[in-house]
N, C-alpha and C. Protein backbone atom coordinates (compact mmCIF):
# COMPACT_ATOMS: atom_id res chain seq x y z
N UNK A 1 1.39 240.19 17.71
CA UNK A 1 2.06 240.87 18.80
C UNK A 1 2.25 239.93 19.98
N UNK A 2 3.33 240.03 20.62
CA UNK A 2 3.68 239.27 21.79
C UNK A 2 4.04 240.16 22.96
N UNK A 3 3.64 239.74 24.18
CA UNK A 3 4.14 240.33 25.40
C UNK A 3 5.15 239.29 26.01
N UNK A 4 6.36 239.75 26.10
CA UNK A 4 7.39 238.84 26.60
C UNK A 4 7.65 239.19 28.12
N UNK A 5 7.42 238.20 28.93
CA UNK A 5 7.51 238.27 30.38
C UNK A 5 8.85 237.88 30.83
N UNK A 6 9.60 238.76 31.50
CA UNK A 6 10.96 238.46 31.91
C UNK A 6 11.15 238.89 33.38
N UNK A 7 11.58 238.03 34.23
CA UNK A 7 11.90 238.41 35.66
C UNK A 7 13.38 238.89 35.75
N UNK A 8 13.56 239.91 36.62
CA UNK A 8 14.86 240.46 36.86
C UNK A 8 15.11 240.65 38.33
N UNK A 9 16.31 240.85 38.72
CA UNK A 9 16.63 240.94 40.14
C UNK A 9 16.54 242.41 40.68
N UNK A 10 16.44 243.34 39.71
CA UNK A 10 16.37 244.75 40.12
C UNK A 10 15.82 245.61 39.00
N UNK A 11 15.41 246.81 39.30
CA UNK A 11 14.99 247.74 38.29
C UNK A 11 16.11 248.18 37.42
N UNK A 12 17.34 248.28 38.02
CA UNK A 12 18.50 248.57 37.13
C UNK A 12 18.71 247.49 36.04
N UNK A 13 18.61 246.20 36.54
CA UNK A 13 18.82 245.11 35.58
C UNK A 13 17.72 245.16 34.48
N UNK A 14 16.48 245.41 34.88
CA UNK A 14 15.38 245.46 33.94
C UNK A 14 15.61 246.59 32.89
N UNK A 15 16.10 247.73 33.37
CA UNK A 15 16.43 248.84 32.47
C UNK A 15 17.54 248.51 31.55
N UNK A 16 18.61 247.84 32.07
CA UNK A 16 19.63 247.47 31.23
C UNK A 16 19.25 246.45 30.09
N UNK A 17 18.47 245.53 30.47
CA UNK A 17 17.96 244.53 29.47
C UNK A 17 17.06 245.30 28.47
N UNK A 18 16.23 246.15 28.95
CA UNK A 18 15.25 246.89 28.06
C UNK A 18 16.00 247.69 27.02
N UNK A 19 17.02 248.46 27.53
CA UNK A 19 17.79 249.27 26.55
C UNK A 19 18.53 248.47 25.62
N UNK A 20 19.04 247.28 26.03
CA UNK A 20 19.82 246.39 25.17
C UNK A 20 18.81 245.87 24.07
N UNK A 21 17.63 245.43 24.42
CA UNK A 21 16.67 244.91 23.49
C UNK A 21 16.23 246.05 22.54
N UNK A 22 15.84 247.22 23.09
CA UNK A 22 15.38 248.28 22.23
C UNK A 22 16.44 248.84 21.25
N UNK A 23 17.73 248.84 21.68
CA UNK A 23 18.78 249.32 20.83
C UNK A 23 18.88 248.34 19.64
N UNK A 24 18.72 247.10 19.86
CA UNK A 24 18.77 246.06 18.79
C UNK A 24 17.46 245.94 17.97
N UNK A 25 16.47 246.77 18.36
CA UNK A 25 15.13 246.82 17.72
C UNK A 25 14.42 245.50 17.82
N UNK A 26 14.61 244.86 19.01
CA UNK A 26 13.85 243.60 19.24
C UNK A 26 12.53 243.78 19.96
N UNK A 27 12.36 244.98 20.50
CA UNK A 27 11.08 245.35 21.05
C UNK A 27 10.94 246.87 20.91
N UNK A 28 9.66 247.35 21.02
CA UNK A 28 9.44 248.76 20.74
C UNK A 28 9.04 249.47 22.01
N UNK A 29 8.76 248.74 23.03
CA UNK A 29 8.23 249.31 24.23
C UNK A 29 8.37 248.26 25.45
N UNK A 30 8.52 248.83 26.55
CA UNK A 30 8.61 247.89 27.75
C UNK A 30 7.78 248.48 28.97
N UNK A 31 7.36 247.62 29.81
CA UNK A 31 6.84 247.99 31.10
C UNK A 31 7.63 247.34 32.14
N UNK A 32 7.93 248.14 33.18
CA UNK A 32 8.74 247.57 34.35
C UNK A 32 7.84 247.65 35.56
N UNK A 33 7.59 246.52 36.20
CA UNK A 33 6.88 246.45 37.41
C UNK A 33 7.84 246.28 38.55
N UNK A 34 8.06 247.24 39.42
CA UNK A 34 9.23 247.24 40.29
C UNK A 34 9.22 246.26 41.48
N UNK A 35 8.06 245.74 41.86
CA UNK A 35 8.22 244.77 43.09
C UNK A 35 7.23 243.67 42.93
N UNK A 36 7.67 242.49 42.74
CA UNK A 36 6.95 241.24 42.78
C UNK A 36 7.45 240.36 43.86
N UNK A 37 6.64 239.43 44.36
CA UNK A 37 7.06 238.59 45.39
C UNK A 37 6.77 237.13 44.92
N UNK A 38 7.82 236.54 44.21
CA UNK A 38 7.59 235.19 43.71
C UNK A 38 7.92 234.14 44.77
N UNK A 39 7.25 232.98 44.54
CA UNK A 39 7.57 231.81 45.33
C UNK A 39 7.90 230.69 44.28
N UNK A 40 8.87 229.89 44.63
CA UNK A 40 9.37 228.92 43.57
C UNK A 40 10.15 227.81 44.32
N UNK A 41 10.22 226.69 43.61
CA UNK A 41 11.08 225.60 44.18
C UNK A 41 12.60 225.93 43.79
N UNK A 42 13.44 225.98 44.88
CA UNK A 42 14.81 226.19 44.65
C UNK A 42 15.57 225.71 45.96
N UNK A 43 16.68 225.14 45.77
CA UNK A 43 17.31 224.56 44.59
C UNK A 43 16.43 223.48 43.95
N UNK A 44 16.72 223.25 42.63
CA UNK A 44 15.91 222.31 41.81
C UNK A 44 15.82 220.90 42.55
N UNK A 45 14.71 220.31 42.44
CA UNK A 45 14.42 218.91 42.86
C UNK A 45 14.57 218.71 44.37
N UNK A 46 14.56 219.71 45.15
CA UNK A 46 14.66 219.58 46.58
C UNK A 46 13.35 219.62 47.29
N UNK A 47 12.33 220.18 46.60
CA UNK A 47 11.05 220.39 47.23
C UNK A 47 10.97 221.56 48.16
N UNK A 48 12.04 222.33 48.27
CA UNK A 48 12.06 223.54 49.13
C UNK A 48 11.41 224.72 48.42
N UNK A 49 10.48 225.37 49.08
CA UNK A 49 9.83 226.49 48.49
C UNK A 49 10.59 227.78 48.95
N UNK A 50 11.15 228.51 48.00
CA UNK A 50 11.93 229.65 48.36
C UNK A 50 11.09 230.91 47.97
N UNK A 51 11.44 232.06 48.55
CA UNK A 51 10.74 233.30 48.28
C UNK A 51 11.81 234.37 48.01
N UNK A 52 11.46 235.36 47.26
CA UNK A 52 12.44 236.49 47.04
C UNK A 52 11.63 237.71 46.54
N UNK A 53 12.31 238.70 46.10
CA UNK A 53 11.69 239.87 45.48
C UNK A 53 12.25 239.97 44.05
N UNK A 54 11.42 240.25 43.12
CA UNK A 54 11.88 240.39 41.77
C UNK A 54 11.15 241.57 41.12
N UNK A 55 11.69 241.91 39.95
CA UNK A 55 11.07 242.92 39.12
C UNK A 55 10.62 242.25 37.83
N UNK A 56 9.46 242.61 37.31
CA UNK A 56 8.96 242.02 36.16
C UNK A 56 9.06 243.01 34.99
N UNK A 57 9.73 242.56 33.90
CA UNK A 57 9.84 243.34 32.66
C UNK A 57 8.94 242.70 31.64
N UNK A 58 8.11 243.51 30.99
CA UNK A 58 7.27 243.04 29.93
C UNK A 58 7.69 243.81 28.65
N UNK A 59 8.20 243.08 27.65
CA UNK A 59 8.69 243.64 26.39
C UNK A 59 7.56 243.44 25.35
N UNK A 60 7.26 244.41 24.58
CA UNK A 60 6.25 244.27 23.49
C UNK A 60 6.94 244.10 22.18
N UNK A 61 6.64 243.05 21.47
CA UNK A 61 7.39 242.71 20.26
C UNK A 61 6.45 241.94 19.29
N UNK A 62 6.99 241.33 18.26
CA UNK A 62 6.23 240.55 17.33
C UNK A 62 6.87 239.17 17.22
N UNK A 63 6.07 238.16 16.78
CA UNK A 63 6.58 236.82 16.75
C UNK A 63 7.92 236.57 16.09
N UNK A 64 8.14 237.29 14.96
CA UNK A 64 9.46 237.07 14.23
C UNK A 64 10.64 237.55 15.01
N UNK A 65 10.47 238.39 15.99
CA UNK A 65 11.64 238.90 16.76
C UNK A 65 11.88 238.07 18.08
N UNK A 66 10.95 237.25 18.45
CA UNK A 66 11.07 236.49 19.69
C UNK A 66 12.32 235.68 19.81
N UNK A 67 12.71 234.77 18.83
CA UNK A 67 13.88 233.98 19.08
C UNK A 67 15.16 234.73 19.39
N UNK A 68 15.37 235.80 18.60
CA UNK A 68 16.53 236.65 18.80
C UNK A 68 16.44 237.34 20.13
N UNK A 69 15.28 237.82 20.52
CA UNK A 69 15.07 238.49 21.78
C UNK A 69 15.44 237.57 22.95
N UNK A 70 14.97 236.38 22.85
CA UNK A 70 15.29 235.39 23.96
C UNK A 70 16.81 235.16 24.04
N UNK A 71 17.51 235.08 22.98
CA UNK A 71 18.93 234.88 23.00
C UNK A 71 19.66 236.04 23.58
N UNK A 72 19.16 237.33 23.27
CA UNK A 72 19.87 238.49 23.77
C UNK A 72 19.54 238.67 25.26
N UNK A 73 18.40 238.37 25.71
CA UNK A 73 18.09 238.43 27.13
C UNK A 73 19.06 237.46 27.90
N UNK A 74 19.18 236.27 27.44
CA UNK A 74 20.05 235.32 28.08
C UNK A 74 21.52 235.80 28.08
N UNK A 75 21.98 236.51 27.11
CA UNK A 75 23.30 237.04 27.08
C UNK A 75 23.58 237.96 28.18
N UNK A 76 22.62 238.88 28.52
CA UNK A 76 22.93 239.94 29.52
C UNK A 76 22.29 239.74 30.85
N UNK A 77 21.44 238.74 30.98
CA UNK A 77 20.80 238.50 32.25
C UNK A 77 21.75 237.86 33.26
N UNK A 78 21.52 238.13 34.51
CA UNK A 78 22.43 237.66 35.58
C UNK A 78 21.92 236.31 36.16
N UNK A 79 20.77 235.90 35.90
CA UNK A 79 20.24 234.63 36.44
C UNK A 79 20.77 233.45 35.51
N UNK A 80 21.03 232.31 36.12
CA UNK A 80 21.49 231.09 35.39
C UNK A 80 20.28 230.59 34.54
N UNK A 81 19.09 230.70 35.12
CA UNK A 81 17.91 230.24 34.43
C UNK A 81 16.81 231.26 34.48
N UNK A 82 17.01 232.28 33.59
CA UNK A 82 15.91 233.44 33.60
C UNK A 82 14.64 232.96 33.21
N UNK A 83 13.61 233.53 33.80
CA UNK A 83 12.22 233.27 33.33
C UNK A 83 11.96 234.16 32.16
N UNK A 84 11.73 233.63 31.04
CA UNK A 84 11.44 234.33 29.76
C UNK A 84 10.38 233.55 29.05
N UNK A 85 9.21 234.20 28.84
CA UNK A 85 8.18 233.52 28.01
C UNK A 85 7.29 234.52 27.39
N UNK A 86 6.73 234.13 26.30
CA UNK A 86 5.88 235.02 25.50
C UNK A 86 4.46 234.66 25.58
N UNK A 87 3.61 235.80 25.64
CA UNK A 87 2.19 235.59 25.70
C UNK A 87 1.62 236.22 24.40
N UNK A 88 0.96 235.49 23.54
CA UNK A 88 0.42 236.07 22.35
C UNK A 88 -0.81 237.01 22.62
N UNK A 89 -0.87 238.06 21.95
CA UNK A 89 -1.91 239.00 22.11
C UNK A 89 -2.93 238.75 20.95
N UNK A 90 -4.15 238.50 21.31
CA UNK A 90 -5.19 238.15 20.41
C UNK A 90 -5.69 239.37 19.65
N UNK A 91 -5.88 240.53 20.23
CA UNK A 91 -6.32 241.72 19.62
C UNK A 91 -5.47 242.83 20.08
N UNK A 92 -5.23 243.75 19.13
CA UNK A 92 -4.46 244.95 19.35
C UNK A 92 -4.94 246.06 18.43
N UNK A 93 -5.01 247.32 18.89
CA UNK A 93 -5.43 248.40 18.08
C UNK A 93 -4.43 248.58 16.93
N UNK A 94 -5.03 248.75 15.71
CA UNK A 94 -4.20 248.84 14.51
C UNK A 94 -3.20 249.97 14.58
N UNK A 95 -3.61 251.09 15.05
CA UNK A 95 -2.73 252.25 15.12
C UNK A 95 -1.50 251.91 16.07
N UNK A 96 -1.77 251.31 17.21
CA UNK A 96 -0.67 250.89 18.11
C UNK A 96 0.23 249.86 17.49
N UNK A 97 -0.34 248.85 16.90
CA UNK A 97 0.37 247.78 16.22
C UNK A 97 1.26 248.37 15.14
N UNK A 98 0.79 249.24 14.30
CA UNK A 98 1.50 249.84 13.25
C UNK A 98 2.74 250.61 13.82
N UNK A 99 2.50 251.32 14.90
CA UNK A 99 3.56 252.13 15.53
C UNK A 99 4.59 251.12 16.06
N UNK A 100 4.14 250.10 16.72
CA UNK A 100 5.10 249.03 17.34
C UNK A 100 5.98 248.45 16.24
N UNK A 101 5.40 248.02 15.14
CA UNK A 101 6.22 247.37 14.01
C UNK A 101 7.11 248.41 13.41
N UNK A 102 6.60 249.64 13.28
CA UNK A 102 7.39 250.73 12.63
C UNK A 102 8.66 251.00 13.51
N UNK A 103 8.61 250.95 14.78
CA UNK A 103 9.70 251.32 15.61
C UNK A 103 10.74 250.17 15.59
N UNK A 104 10.39 248.97 15.22
CA UNK A 104 11.36 247.89 15.16
C UNK A 104 11.91 247.71 13.84
N UNK A 105 11.56 248.53 12.83
CA UNK A 105 12.06 248.35 11.44
C UNK A 105 13.45 248.96 11.31
């Protein structure tokens, strides 16, 4: 199982991406955290620290679905360089994992 961390500019965008991924059976469940306060270097290579507000979307999926999930997020995301990365889950309850896999079949 993987948790895929994706930053979005709004809850609406996070919901749009979530529904797109779920419709394509690339994830079975998402969590949307409505308000984060990131700090990052922008524009690139300027050394300027920028701040904004973002929404974090966490999609729950499996390893075999990740490559296609990343491509699909990039297709519908509004950012030029969206933050998309996967965190492997070391342990997961069997009943939950079976449900997750079953929903993506």
